[in-house]
């Protein structure tokens, strides 16, 4: 049904939407000062999302 590129684009779109939802919920785009816990949480989420993108790229290129 989908080719490798279609699946990869779908993964990227879902990761981007996931980041937007998490960032909005954590208040990343608000103008008030962020707590250190929120900054640490967002950094962890970013690491997780980068890992998902790397794994998706690896799977698309080598499978």
C-alpha atoms as a PDB file:
ATOM      1  CA  UNK A   1       0.000   0.000   0.000  1.00  0.00           C
ATOM      2  CA  UNK A   2       2.630   2.545   1.110  1.00  0.00           C
ATOM      3  CA  UNK A   3       6.197   2.492  -0.053  1.00  0.00           C
ATOM      4  CA  UNK A   4       9.159   3.003   2.194  1.00  0.00           C
ATOM      5  CA  UNK A   5       9.159   6.740   1.582  1.00  0.00           C
ATOM      6  CA  UNK A   6       5.453   7.034   2.433  1.00  0.00           C
ATOM      7  CA  UNK A   7       5.946   5.211   5.704  1.00  0.00           C
ATOM      8  CA  UNK A   8       8.974   7.374   6.546  1.00  0.00           C
ATOM      9  CA  UNK A   9       7.066  10.578   5.834  1.00  0.00           C
ATOM     10  CA  UNK A  10       4.212   9.296   8.000  1.00  0.00           C
ATOM     11  CA  UNK A  11       6.662   8.625  10.851  1.00  0.00           C
ATOM     12  CA  UNK A  12       8.108  12.136  10.528  1.00  0.00           C
ATOM     13  CA  UNK A  13       4.656  13.748  10.542  1.00  0.00           C
ATOM     14  CA  UNK A  14       3.587  11.742  13.591  1.00  0.00           C
ATOM     15  CA  UNK A  15       6.791  12.644  15.452  1.00  0.00           C
ATOM     16  CA  UNK A  16       6.257  16.326  14.649  1.00  0.00           C
ATOM     17  CA  UNK A  17       2.634  16.196  15.831  1.00  0.00           C
ATOM     18  CA  UNK A  18       3.681  14.362  18.990  1.00  0.00           C
ATOM     19  CA  UNK A  19       6.264  17.063  19.699  1.00  0.00           C
ATOM     20  CA  UNK A  20       3.686  19.823  19.182  1.00  0.00           C
ATOM     21  CA  UNK A  21       1.218  18.202  21.570  1.00  0.00           C
ATOM     22  CA  UNK A  22       3.860  17.606  24.248  1.00  0.00           C
ATOM     23  CA  UNK A  23       5.317  21.100  23.852  1.00  0.00           C
ATOM     24  CA  UNK A  24       1.915  22.780  24.064  1.00  0.00           C
ATOM     25  CA  UNK A  25       1.028  20.738  27.135  1.00  0.00           C
ATOM     26  CA  UNK A  26       4.324  21.602  28.825  1.00  0.00           C
ATOM     27  CA  UNK A  27       3.983  25.298  28.033  1.00  0.00           C
ATOM     28  CA  UNK A  28       7.060  25.595  25.832  1.00  0.00           C
ATOM     29  CA  UNK A  29       5.478  28.300  23.690  1.00  0.00           C
ATOM     30  CA  UNK A  30       4.254  30.420  26.607  1.00  0.00           C
ATOM     31  CA  UNK A  31       6.031  33.636  27.533  1.00  0.00           C
ATOM     32  CA  UNK A  32       6.414  32.917  31.229  1.00  0.00           C
ATOM     33  CA  UNK A  33       9.564  31.418  32.692  1.00  0.00           C
ATOM     34  CA  UNK A  34       9.912  27.640  32.451  1.00  0.00           C
ATOM     35  CA  UNK A  35      10.703  25.485  35.446  1.00  0.00           C
ATOM     36  CA  UNK A  36      13.867  23.347  35.332  1.00  0.00           C
ATOM     37  CA  UNK A  37      11.736  20.195  35.503  1.00  0.00           C
ATOM     38  CA  UNK A  38       9.886  21.201  32.332  1.00  0.00           C
ATOM     39  CA  UNK A  39      13.146  21.951  30.528  1.00  0.00           C
ATOM     40  CA  UNK A  40      14.519  18.555  31.537  1.00  0.00           C
ATOM     41  CA  UNK A  41      11.302  16.854  30.416  1.00  0.00           C
ATOM     42  CA  UNK A  42      11.322  18.567  27.014  1.00  0.00           C
ATOM     43  CA  UNK A  43      14.993  17.677  26.526  1.00  0.00           C
ATOM     44  CA  UNK A  44      14.171  14.024  27.261  1.00  0.00           C
ATOM     45  CA  UNK A  45      11.258  14.111  24.827  1.00  0.00           C
ATOM     46  CA  UNK A  46      13.528  15.600  22.153  1.00  0.00           C
ATOM     47  CA  UNK A  47      16.082  12.830  22.678  1.00  0.00           C
ATOM     48  CA  UNK A  48      13.346  10.217  22.378  1.00  0.00           C
ATOM     49  CA  UNK A  49      11.984  11.759  19.186  1.00  0.00           C
ATOM     50  CA  UNK A  50      15.439  11.997  17.606  1.00  0.00           C
ATOM     51  CA  UNK A  51      15.983   8.332  18.467  1.00  0.00           C
ATOM     52  CA  UNK A  52      12.675   7.412  16.794  1.00  0.00           C
ATOM     53  CA  UNK A  53      13.652   9.353  13.660  1.00  0.00           C
ATOM     54  CA  UNK A  54      17.077   7.677  13.546  1.00  0.00           C
ATOM     55  CA  UNK A  55      15.554   4.216  13.917  1.00  0.00           C
ATOM     56  CA  UNK A  56      12.964   5.026  11.227  1.00  0.00           C
ATOM     57  CA  UNK A  57      15.714   6.206   8.891  1.00  0.00           C
ATOM     58  CA  UNK A  58      17.752   3.088   9.556  1.00  0.00           C
ATOM     59  CA  UNK A  59      14.768   0.841   8.876  1.00  0.00           C
ATOM     60  CA  UNK A  60      13.858   2.699   5.691  1.00  0.00           C
ATOM     61  CA  UNK A  61      17.389   2.570   4.278  1.00  0.00           C
ATOM     62  CA  UNK A  62      18.378  -0.985   5.168  1.00  0.00           C
ATOM     63  CA  UNK A  63      15.175  -3.040   5.097  1.00  0.00           C
END
